[in-house]
Amino acid sequence: MIMRIPVMLIITLLSTCSINAFAAADFSFTGGLVQEPCILDPNSSDIVIDFGSVINKFLYRYQRTAGISITLNLQGCDTSTSDKLSITFKATEDARQAGMMALDPSSTAKGIAIGVEEKGIFIPINKSVERIFHSGDNKMVFDLFLSANRESIKNNELHPGTINASATIELEYH
């Protein structure tokens, strides 16, 4: 289907040209067929987290929210080629909280960042964590939480507003 659309467009263009004028188009295709041990469930590919309304007094008192879980579902894993996986949460790091995800510039909230953890263990963004998976389906659960930086708490500088951030989860098989 994708190839037919340009071809039909070229035919239409050629049929409207005079006999002395001629247009040509060259196509080049690249890509690669890879063998990965697992398939990422399509429901795990575009994840939206809604922290809802977080009261700033809560962050002044507890410094962070409870985690909201996300699940990566790896399906049909075949360990004959690999059983090791590196997972990296790629995002802009917050300048005031090392290893935490910075809010996008479109955010109006200030003094907070987003953290990632697995089973209560902090996972810094942009750093790989190694996991072993088994044959069949695998679930990997991570929690994301909001964290207020110490300086903002100390100086009473948490600023309410919208929270927007984005990250890419990179999976690399070994």
N, C-alpha and C. Protein backbone atom coordinates (compact mmCIF):
# COMPACT_ATOMS: atom_id res chain seq x y z
N MET A 1 0.82 -1.19 0.00
CA MET A 1 0.00 0.00 0.00
C MET A 1 0.86 1.25 0.00
N ILE A 2 1.89 1.29 0.79
CA ILE A 2 2.74 2.47 0.85
C ILE A 2 3.44 2.69 -0.49
N MET A 3 3.85 1.62 -1.15
CA MET A 3 4.53 1.78 -2.43
C MET A 3 3.56 2.18 -3.54
N ARG A 4 2.31 1.80 -3.47
CA ARG A 4 1.35 2.12 -4.53
C ARG A 4 1.02 3.61 -4.56
N ILE A 5 0.97 4.25 -3.43
CA ILE A 5 0.61 5.67 -3.41
C ILE A 5 1.62 6.50 -4.20
N PRO A 6 2.94 6.39 -3.97
CA PRO A 6 3.87 7.16 -4.79
C PRO A 6 3.82 6.78 -6.26
N VAL A 7 3.65 5.49 -6.57
CA VAL A 7 3.60 5.06 -7.96
C VAL A 7 2.39 5.68 -8.65
N MET A 8 1.21 5.67 -8.02
CA MET A 8 0.03 6.29 -8.61
C MET A 8 0.24 7.78 -8.79
N LEU A 9 0.92 8.42 -7.86
CA LEU A 9 1.20 9.84 -7.96
C LEU A 9 2.09 10.12 -9.16
N ILE A 10 3.09 9.30 -9.38
CA ILE A 10 3.98 9.47 -10.53
C ILE A 10 3.21 9.28 -11.83
N ILE A 11 2.35 8.29 -11.90
CA ILE A 11 1.55 8.06 -13.11
C ILE A 11 0.67 9.27 -13.38
N THR A 12 0.06 9.83 -12.36
CA THR A 12 -0.78 11.01 -12.53
C THR A 12 0.04 12.18 -13.03
N LEU A 13 1.23 12.38 -12.49
CA LEU A 13 2.08 13.48 -12.93
C LEU A 13 2.52 13.29 -14.37
N LEU A 14 2.88 12.07 -14.73
CA LEU A 14 3.32 11.81 -16.10
C LEU A 14 2.19 12.02 -17.10
N SER A 15 1.00 11.67 -16.75
CA SER A 15 -0.11 11.81 -17.69
C SER A 15 -0.50 13.27 -17.90
N THR A 16 -0.11 14.17 -17.01
CA THR A 16 -0.43 15.59 -17.18
C THR A 16 0.71 16.36 -17.83
N CYS A 17 1.83 15.72 -18.07
CA CYS A 17 2.98 16.39 -18.69
C CYS A 17 2.85 16.34 -20.20
N SER A 18 3.45 17.32 -20.88
CA SER A 18 3.47 17.29 -22.33
C SER A 18 4.45 16.22 -22.79
N ILE A 19 4.40 15.92 -24.05
CA ILE A 19 5.24 14.87 -24.60
C ILE A 19 6.72 15.24 -24.51
N ASN A 20 7.06 16.52 -24.57
CA ASN A 20 8.45 16.94 -24.54
C ASN A 20 9.01 17.02 -23.12
N ALA A 21 8.13 17.09 -22.12
CA ALA A 21 8.59 17.17 -20.73
C ALA A 21 8.48 15.79 -20.10
N PHE A 22 9.43 15.44 -19.29
CA PHE A 22 9.40 14.13 -18.66
C PHE A 22 9.91 14.27 -17.23
N ALA A 23 9.22 13.63 -16.30
CA ALA A 23 9.65 13.62 -14.90
C ALA A 23 9.95 12.20 -14.50
N ALA A 24 10.95 12.04 -13.67
CA ALA A 24 11.30 10.71 -13.19
C ALA A 24 11.57 10.78 -11.70
N ALA A 25 11.35 9.68 -11.07
CA ALA A 25 11.63 9.60 -9.64
C ALA A 25 12.41 8.33 -9.37
N ASP A 26 13.41 8.44 -8.54
CA ASP A 26 14.18 7.28 -8.12
C ASP A 26 13.79 6.93 -6.71
N PHE A 27 13.73 5.65 -6.45
CA PHE A 27 13.40 5.19 -5.11
C PHE A 27 14.58 4.40 -4.57
N SER A 28 14.83 4.58 -3.30
CA SER A 28 15.88 3.84 -2.63
C SER A 28 15.28 3.31 -1.32
N PHE A 29 15.51 2.05 -1.05
CA PHE A 29 14.96 1.44 0.15
C PHE A 29 16.09 0.90 1.00
N THR A 30 16.01 1.12 2.29
CA THR A 30 16.99 0.56 3.21
C THR A 30 16.24 -0.03 4.39
N GLY A 31 16.92 -0.81 5.17
CA GLY A 31 16.32 -1.42 6.35
C GLY A 31 17.08 -2.67 6.69
N GLY A 32 16.54 -3.37 7.61
CA GLY A 32 17.18 -4.61 8.00
C GLY A 32 16.19 -5.51 8.70
N LEU A 33 16.35 -6.77 8.52
CA LEU A 33 15.55 -7.75 9.22
C LEU A 33 16.38 -8.22 10.41
N VAL A 34 15.83 -8.08 11.59
CA VAL A 34 16.58 -8.45 12.79
C VAL A 34 15.87 -9.57 13.52
N GLN A 35 16.64 -10.28 14.28
CA GLN A 35 16.07 -11.34 15.10
C GLN A 35 16.17 -10.90 16.55
N GLU A 36 15.05 -10.56 17.14
CA GLU A 36 15.01 -10.20 18.54
C GLU A 36 14.31 -11.32 19.30
N PRO A 37 14.78 -11.60 20.49
CA PRO A 37 14.23 -12.72 21.24
C PRO A 37 12.77 -12.54 21.68
N CYS A 38 12.32 -11.30 21.82
CA CYS A 38 10.97 -11.04 22.33
C CYS A 38 10.25 -10.03 21.44
N ILE A 39 8.94 -10.02 21.56
CA ILE A 39 8.11 -9.01 20.91
C ILE A 39 7.54 -8.13 22.01
N LEU A 40 7.65 -6.82 21.85
CA LEU A 40 7.06 -5.90 22.81
C LEU A 40 5.57 -5.79 22.50
N ASP A 41 4.74 -6.10 23.48
CA ASP A 41 3.29 -5.99 23.33
C ASP A 41 2.96 -4.57 22.88
N PRO A 42 2.17 -4.40 21.80
CA PRO A 42 1.82 -3.05 21.34
C PRO A 42 1.19 -2.19 22.43
N ASN A 43 0.53 -2.78 23.39
CA ASN A 43 -0.06 -2.02 24.50
C ASN A 43 1.00 -1.48 25.45
N SER A 44 2.23 -1.93 25.29
CA SER A 44 3.33 -1.44 26.12
C SER A 44 4.16 -0.37 25.41
N SER A 45 3.77 0.00 24.20
CA SER A 45 4.63 0.90 23.43
C SER A 45 4.31 2.38 23.62
N ASP A 46 3.09 2.75 23.81
CA ASP A 46 2.73 4.15 24.04
C ASP A 46 2.03 4.26 25.39
N ILE A 47 2.80 4.56 26.41
CA ILE A 47 2.28 4.57 27.77
C ILE A 47 2.09 6.02 28.22
N VAL A 48 0.92 6.31 28.74
CA VAL A 48 0.62 7.65 29.25
C VAL A 48 0.38 7.51 30.75
N ILE A 49 1.08 8.31 31.52
CA ILE A 49 0.93 8.31 32.98
C ILE A 49 0.21 9.59 33.38
N ASP A 50 -0.84 9.45 34.15
CA ASP A 50 -1.57 10.62 34.67
C ASP A 50 -1.38 10.64 36.19
N PHE A 51 -0.59 11.58 36.67
CA PHE A 51 -0.37 11.69 38.10
C PHE A 51 -1.58 12.31 38.80
N GLY A 52 -2.52 12.81 38.02
CA GLY A 52 -3.68 13.45 38.62
C GLY A 52 -3.27 14.73 39.33
N SER A 53 -4.05 15.12 40.30
CA SER A 53 -3.75 16.32 41.08
C SER A 53 -2.95 15.95 42.31
N VAL A 54 -1.78 16.52 42.42
CA VAL A 54 -0.92 16.31 43.58
C VAL A 54 -0.89 17.62 44.35
N ILE A 55 -1.22 17.54 45.61
CA ILE A 55 -1.25 18.74 46.45
C ILE A 55 0.17 19.07 46.89
N ASN A 56 0.59 20.32 46.66
CA ASN A 56 1.97 20.69 46.96
C ASN A 56 2.32 20.51 48.44
N LYS A 57 1.34 20.66 49.33
CA LYS A 57 1.60 20.43 50.76
C LYS A 57 2.04 18.99 51.02
N PHE A 58 1.53 18.06 50.22
CA PHE A 58 1.93 16.66 50.35
C PHE A 58 3.42 16.52 50.03
N LEU A 59 3.86 17.19 48.97
CA LEU A 59 5.28 17.11 48.61
C LEU A 59 6.17 17.82 49.63
N TYR A 60 5.68 18.92 50.20
CA TYR A 60 6.47 19.58 51.25
C TYR A 60 6.65 18.65 52.44
N ARG A 61 5.66 17.85 52.70
CA ARG A 61 5.72 16.96 53.86
C ARG A 61 6.48 15.66 53.58
N TYR A 62 6.20 15.03 52.43
CA TYR A 62 6.76 13.70 52.16
C TYR A 62 7.84 13.68 51.07
N GLN A 63 8.06 14.76 50.39
CA GLN A 63 9.08 14.92 49.34
C GLN A 63 8.80 14.14 48.05
N ARG A 64 7.89 13.19 48.08
CA ARG A 64 7.60 12.41 46.87
C ARG A 64 6.21 11.79 46.95
N THR A 65 5.74 11.38 45.78
CA THR A 65 4.45 10.70 45.72
C THR A 65 4.67 9.19 45.72
N ALA A 66 3.61 8.46 45.90
CA ALA A 66 3.67 7.01 45.69
C ALA A 66 3.88 6.77 44.20
N GLY A 67 4.41 5.61 43.86
CA GLY A 67 4.67 5.30 42.46
C GLY A 67 3.41 4.87 41.72
N ILE A 68 3.38 5.19 40.45
CA ILE A 68 2.33 4.71 39.54
C ILE A 68 3.00 3.68 38.64
N SER A 69 2.44 2.49 38.61
CA SER A 69 3.06 1.37 37.89
C SER A 69 2.82 1.42 36.39
N ILE A 70 3.87 1.05 35.67
CA ILE A 70 3.76 0.77 34.24
C ILE A 70 4.31 -0.63 34.04
N THR A 71 3.76 -1.34 33.06
CA THR A 71 4.20 -2.70 32.79
C THR A 71 4.67 -2.83 31.35
N LEU A 72 5.85 -3.36 31.18
CA LEU A 72 6.34 -3.72 29.85
C LEU A 72 6.09 -5.21 29.68
N ASN A 73 5.29 -5.55 28.69
CA ASN A 73 4.98 -6.95 28.41
C ASN A 73 5.81 -7.42 27.23
N LEU A 74 6.72 -8.33 27.50
CA LEU A 74 7.52 -8.94 26.44
C LEU A 74 6.89 -10.29 26.14
N GLN A 75 6.53 -10.49 24.88
CA GLN A 75 5.79 -11.69 24.50
C GLN A 75 6.63 -12.64 23.66
N GLY A 76 6.33 -13.93 23.81
CA GLY A 76 6.95 -14.96 22.98
C GLY A 76 8.46 -14.96 23.02
N CYS A 77 9.03 -14.72 24.16
CA CYS A 77 10.48 -14.67 24.27
C CYS A 77 11.11 -16.03 24.00
N ASP A 78 12.17 -16.02 23.24
CA ASP A 78 12.92 -17.23 22.90
C ASP A 78 14.34 -17.03 23.40
N THR A 79 14.72 -17.79 24.41
CA THR A 79 16.04 -17.62 25.03
C THR A 79 17.15 -18.39 24.30
N SER A 80 16.85 -18.98 23.15
CA SER A 80 17.90 -19.71 22.43
C SER A 80 18.95 -18.75 21.85
N THR A 81 18.58 -17.49 21.62
CA THR A 81 19.56 -16.52 21.10
C THR A 81 20.07 -15.58 22.19
N SER A 82 19.25 -15.33 23.21
CA SER A 82 19.64 -14.43 24.29
C SER A 82 18.67 -14.57 25.44
N ASP A 83 19.16 -14.31 26.64
CA ASP A 83 18.26 -14.25 27.80
C ASP A 83 18.58 -13.04 28.67
N LYS A 84 19.40 -12.13 28.12
CA LYS A 84 19.78 -10.92 28.85
C LYS A 84 19.27 -9.69 28.12
N LEU A 85 18.90 -8.70 28.91
CA LEU A 85 18.29 -7.50 28.39
C LEU A 85 18.78 -6.30 29.18
N SER A 86 19.11 -5.21 28.49
CA SER A 86 19.41 -3.93 29.13
C SER A 86 18.21 -3.02 28.92
N ILE A 87 17.78 -2.37 29.97
CA ILE A 87 16.65 -1.44 29.90
C ILE A 87 17.17 -0.07 30.30
N THR A 88 16.86 0.92 29.46
CA THR A 88 17.29 2.29 29.74
C THR A 88 16.11 3.23 29.54
N PHE A 89 15.82 4.03 30.56
CA PHE A 89 14.83 5.10 30.44
C PHE A 89 15.59 6.33 29.95
N LYS A 90 15.37 6.72 28.71
CA LYS A 90 16.10 7.85 28.11
C LYS A 90 15.23 9.10 28.22
N ALA A 91 15.81 10.15 28.83
CA ALA A 91 15.10 11.42 29.00
C ALA A 91 16.11 12.48 29.40
N THR A 92 15.64 13.71 29.44
CA THR A 92 16.48 14.80 29.92
C THR A 92 16.56 14.71 31.44
N GLU A 93 17.78 14.74 31.96
CA GLU A 93 17.97 14.64 33.41
C GLU A 93 17.71 15.98 34.08
N ASP A 94 17.03 15.94 35.22
CA ASP A 94 16.75 17.15 35.98
C ASP A 94 18.06 17.73 36.53
N ALA A 95 18.22 19.03 36.43
CA ALA A 95 19.45 19.69 36.86
C ALA A 95 19.64 19.65 38.38
N ARG A 96 18.54 19.54 39.13
CA ARG A 96 18.65 19.61 40.60
C ARG A 96 18.47 18.27 41.29
N GLN A 97 18.05 17.25 40.54
CA GLN A 97 17.86 15.93 41.13
C GLN A 97 18.49 14.89 40.21
N ALA A 98 19.68 14.48 40.57
CA ALA A 98 20.43 13.53 39.74
C ALA A 98 19.65 12.24 39.52
N GLY A 99 19.67 11.78 38.28
CA GLY A 99 19.01 10.52 37.94
C GLY A 99 17.52 10.64 37.73
N MET A 100 16.97 11.82 37.92
CA MET A 100 15.53 12.03 37.76
C MET A 100 15.24 12.69 36.42
N MET A 101 14.05 12.46 35.92
CA MET A 101 13.60 13.01 34.66
C MET A 101 13.13 14.45 34.84
N ALA A 102 13.66 15.34 34.02
CA ALA A 102 13.25 16.75 34.07
C ALA A 102 11.88 16.91 33.42
N LEU A 103 11.15 17.90 33.88
CA LEU A 103 9.88 18.24 33.24
C LEU A 103 10.18 18.94 31.92
N ASP A 104 9.28 18.77 30.96
CA ASP A 104 9.41 19.47 29.67
C ASP A 104 9.25 20.96 29.90
N PRO A 105 9.84 21.79 29.02
CA PRO A 105 9.69 23.24 29.14
C PRO A 105 8.23 23.72 29.11
N SER A 106 7.33 22.91 28.53
CA SER A 106 5.92 23.29 28.49
C SER A 106 5.24 23.17 29.85
N SER A 107 5.90 22.55 30.81
CA SER A 107 5.33 22.41 32.16
C SER A 107 5.34 23.75 32.87
N THR A 108 4.30 23.99 33.67
CA THR A 108 4.28 25.21 34.48
C THR A 108 4.61 24.91 35.94
N ALA A 109 4.57 23.65 36.34
CA ALA A 109 4.98 23.26 37.70
C ALA A 109 6.49 23.40 37.79
N LYS A 110 6.98 23.76 38.96
CA LYS A 110 8.42 23.93 39.17
C LYS A 110 8.83 23.28 40.49
N GLY A 111 10.08 22.83 40.53
CA GLY A 111 10.64 22.28 41.76
C GLY A 111 10.47 20.78 41.90
N ILE A 112 9.99 20.11 40.85
CA ILE A 112 9.78 18.67 40.92
C ILE A 112 10.40 17.99 39.70
N ALA A 113 10.60 16.69 39.84
CA ALA A 113 11.10 15.85 38.75
C ALA A 113 10.40 14.50 38.88
N ILE A 114 10.65 13.63 37.91
CA ILE A 114 10.01 12.31 37.90
C ILE A 114 11.09 11.26 38.08
N GLY A 115 10.82 10.35 39.00
CA GLY A 115 11.75 9.26 39.27
C GLY A 115 11.20 7.93 38.82
N VAL A 116 12.09 6.97 38.64
CA VAL A 116 11.73 5.61 38.23
C VAL A 116 12.30 4.65 39.26
N GLU A 117 11.51 3.66 39.63
CA GLU A 117 12.01 2.62 40.52
C GLU A 117 11.40 1.28 40.14
N GLU A 118 12.07 0.23 40.57
CA GLU A 118 11.58 -1.13 40.36
C GLU A 118 11.69 -1.85 41.70
N LYS A 119 10.57 -2.30 42.21
CA LYS A 119 10.51 -2.98 43.52
C LYS A 119 11.19 -2.14 44.60
N GLY A 120 10.95 -0.82 44.57
CA GLY A 120 11.49 0.07 45.58
C GLY A 120 12.93 0.49 45.38
N ILE A 121 13.58 0.01 44.32
CA ILE A 121 14.98 0.36 44.05
C ILE A 121 15.01 1.42 42.96
N PHE A 122 15.64 2.55 43.25
CA PHE A 122 15.73 3.67 42.32
C PHE A 122 16.50 3.28 41.07
N ILE A 123 15.98 3.67 39.90
CA ILE A 123 16.66 3.44 38.63
C ILE A 123 16.93 4.80 38.00
N PRO A 124 18.19 5.21 37.93
CA PRO A 124 18.50 6.51 37.31
C PRO A 124 18.20 6.48 35.81
N ILE A 125 17.68 7.59 35.30
CA ILE A 125 17.45 7.66 33.87
C ILE A 125 18.80 7.72 33.14
N ASN A 126 18.78 7.33 31.90
CA ASN A 126 19.95 7.31 31.02
C ASN A 126 21.05 6.36 31.47
N LYS A 127 20.73 5.46 32.39
CA LYS A 127 21.67 4.42 32.82
C LYS A 127 20.97 3.07 32.61
N SER A 128 21.69 2.13 32.03
CA SER A 128 21.12 0.81 31.74
C SER A 128 21.06 -0.05 32.99
N VAL A 129 20.00 -0.82 33.09
CA VAL A 129 19.90 -1.85 34.11
C VAL A 129 19.75 -3.18 33.38
N GLU A 130 20.45 -4.18 33.86
CA GLU A 130 20.45 -5.49 33.23
C GLU A 130 19.37 -6.37 33.84
N ARG A 131 18.69 -7.12 32.99
CA ARG A 131 17.67 -8.07 33.45
C ARG A 131 17.83 -9.37 32.67
N ILE A 132 17.46 -10.45 33.31
CA ILE A 132 17.41 -11.75 32.65
C ILE A 132 15.93 -12.07 32.44
N PHE A 133 15.61 -12.59 31.26
CA PHE A 133 14.22 -12.96 30.99
C PHE A 133 14.17 -14.45 30.69
N HIS A 134 12.99 -15.02 30.73
CA HIS A 134 12.80 -16.44 30.49
C HIS A 134 11.97 -16.65 29.22
N SER A 135 11.94 -17.87 28.73
CA SER A 135 11.15 -18.18 27.54
C SER A 135 9.68 -17.95 27.82
N GLY A 136 8.97 -17.53 26.80
CA GLY A 136 7.55 -17.25 26.94
C GLY A 136 7.31 -15.77 27.17
N ASP A 137 6.28 -15.45 27.93
CA ASP A 137 5.92 -14.05 28.20
C ASP A 137 6.58 -13.57 29.49
N ASN A 138 7.02 -12.32 29.49
CA ASN A 138 7.67 -11.70 30.64
C ASN A 138 7.03 -10.36 30.90
N LYS A 139 6.83 -10.04 32.17
CA LYS A 139 6.32 -8.72 32.57
C LYS A 139 7.38 -8.04 33.40
N MET A 140 7.63 -6.78 33.06
CA MET A 140 8.57 -5.97 33.83
C MET A 140 7.81 -4.75 34.31
N VAL A 141 7.74 -4.60 35.62
CA VAL A 141 6.93 -3.53 36.22
C VAL A 141 7.85 -2.48 36.83
N PHE A 142 7.57 -1.23 36.49
CA PHE A 142 8.32 -0.09 37.02
C PHE A 142 7.32 0.90 37.61
N ASP A 143 7.76 1.64 38.61
CA ASP A 143 6.93 2.68 39.21
C ASP A 143 7.55 4.03 38.91
N LEU A 144 6.69 4.99 38.54
CA LEU A 144 7.12 6.35 38.32
C LEU A 144 6.51 7.22 39.40
N PHE A 145 7.30 8.18 39.91
CA PHE A 145 6.83 9.01 41.01
C PHE A 145 7.31 10.44 40.83
N LEU A 146 6.62 11.36 41.45
CA LEU A 146 7.03 12.76 41.47
C LEU A 146 7.89 12.99 42.70
N SER A 147 8.95 13.76 42.54
CA SER A 147 9.86 14.05 43.64
C SER A 147 10.13 15.55 43.68
N ALA A 148 10.01 16.14 44.86
CA ALA A 148 10.33 17.56 45.04
C ALA A 148 11.80 17.67 45.41
N ASN A 149 12.49 18.63 44.80
CA ASN A 149 13.91 18.76 45.15
C ASN A 149 14.05 19.48 46.50
N ARG A 150 15.12 19.15 47.20
CA ARG A 150 15.33 19.65 48.57
C ARG A 150 15.39 21.17 48.66
N GLU A 151 16.06 21.79 47.70
CA GLU A 151 16.17 23.26 47.72
C GLU A 151 14.80 23.92 47.59
N SER A 152 13.96 23.38 46.72
CA SER A 152 12.62 23.94 46.55
C SER A 152 11.79 23.78 47.82
N ILE A 153 11.96 22.66 48.50
CA ILE A 153 11.24 22.46 49.76
C ILE A 153 11.78 23.42 50.82
N LYS A 154 13.10 23.47 50.94
CA LYS A 154 13.74 24.32 51.95
C LYS A 154 13.36 25.80 51.76
N ASN A 155 13.31 26.25 50.51
CA ASN A 155 13.04 27.66 50.22
C ASN A 155 11.57 27.95 49.89
N ASN A 156 10.72 26.94 50.13
CA ASN A 156 9.28 27.10 49.88
C ASN A 156 9.02 27.55 48.44
N GLU A 157 9.67 26.85 47.47
CA GLU A 157 9.62 27.25 46.07
C GLU A 157 8.91 26.26 45.15
N LEU A 158 8.13 25.34 45.70
CA LEU A 158 7.36 24.47 44.81
C LEU A 158 6.29 25.32 44.15
N HIS A 159 6.21 25.24 42.83
CA HIS A 159 5.28 26.06 42.08
C HIS A 159 4.24 25.15 41.43
N PRO A 160 2.95 25.28 41.81
CA PRO A 160 1.91 24.44 41.20
C PRO A 160 1.76 24.73 39.71
N GLY A 161 1.33 23.76 38.97
CA GLY A 161 1.08 23.91 37.54
C GLY A 161 1.02 22.58 36.84
N THR A 162 1.05 22.62 35.52
CA THR A 162 0.96 21.41 34.72
C THR A 162 2.29 20.65 34.73
N ILE A 163 2.19 19.34 34.60
CA ILE A 163 3.35 18.46 34.58
C ILE A 163 3.37 17.74 33.25
N ASN A 164 4.40 17.99 32.47
CA ASN A 164 4.59 17.31 31.20
C ASN A 164 6.03 16.82 31.12
N ALA A 165 6.20 15.58 30.72
CA ALA A 165 7.53 15.02 30.54
C ALA A 165 7.43 13.88 29.54
N SER A 166 8.54 13.54 28.95
CA SER A 166 8.54 12.41 28.03
C SER A 166 9.85 11.65 28.17
N ALA A 167 9.75 10.37 27.90
CA ALA A 167 10.92 9.50 27.96
C ALA A 167 10.75 8.38 26.94
N THR A 168 11.85 7.78 26.59
CA THR A 168 11.85 6.61 25.72
C THR A 168 12.46 5.47 26.50
N ILE A 169 11.83 4.32 26.44
CA ILE A 169 12.38 3.14 27.10
C ILE A 169 13.09 2.33 26.02
N GLU A 170 14.39 2.16 26.20
CA GLU A 170 15.21 1.44 25.22
C GLU A 170 15.48 0.04 25.75
N LEU A 171 15.19 -0.95 24.92
CA LEU A 171 15.45 -2.36 25.26
C LEU A 171 16.56 -2.86 24.35
N GLU A 172 17.61 -3.40 24.94
CA GLU A 172 18.72 -3.94 24.16
C GLU A 172 19.01 -5.35 24.63
N TYR A 173 18.95 -6.29 23.70
CA TYR A 173 19.20 -7.70 24.03
C TYR A 173 20.68 -8.00 23.88
N HIS A 174 21.21 -8.86 24.76
CA HIS A 174 22.64 -9.25 24.71
C HIS A 174 22.75 -10.73 24.43
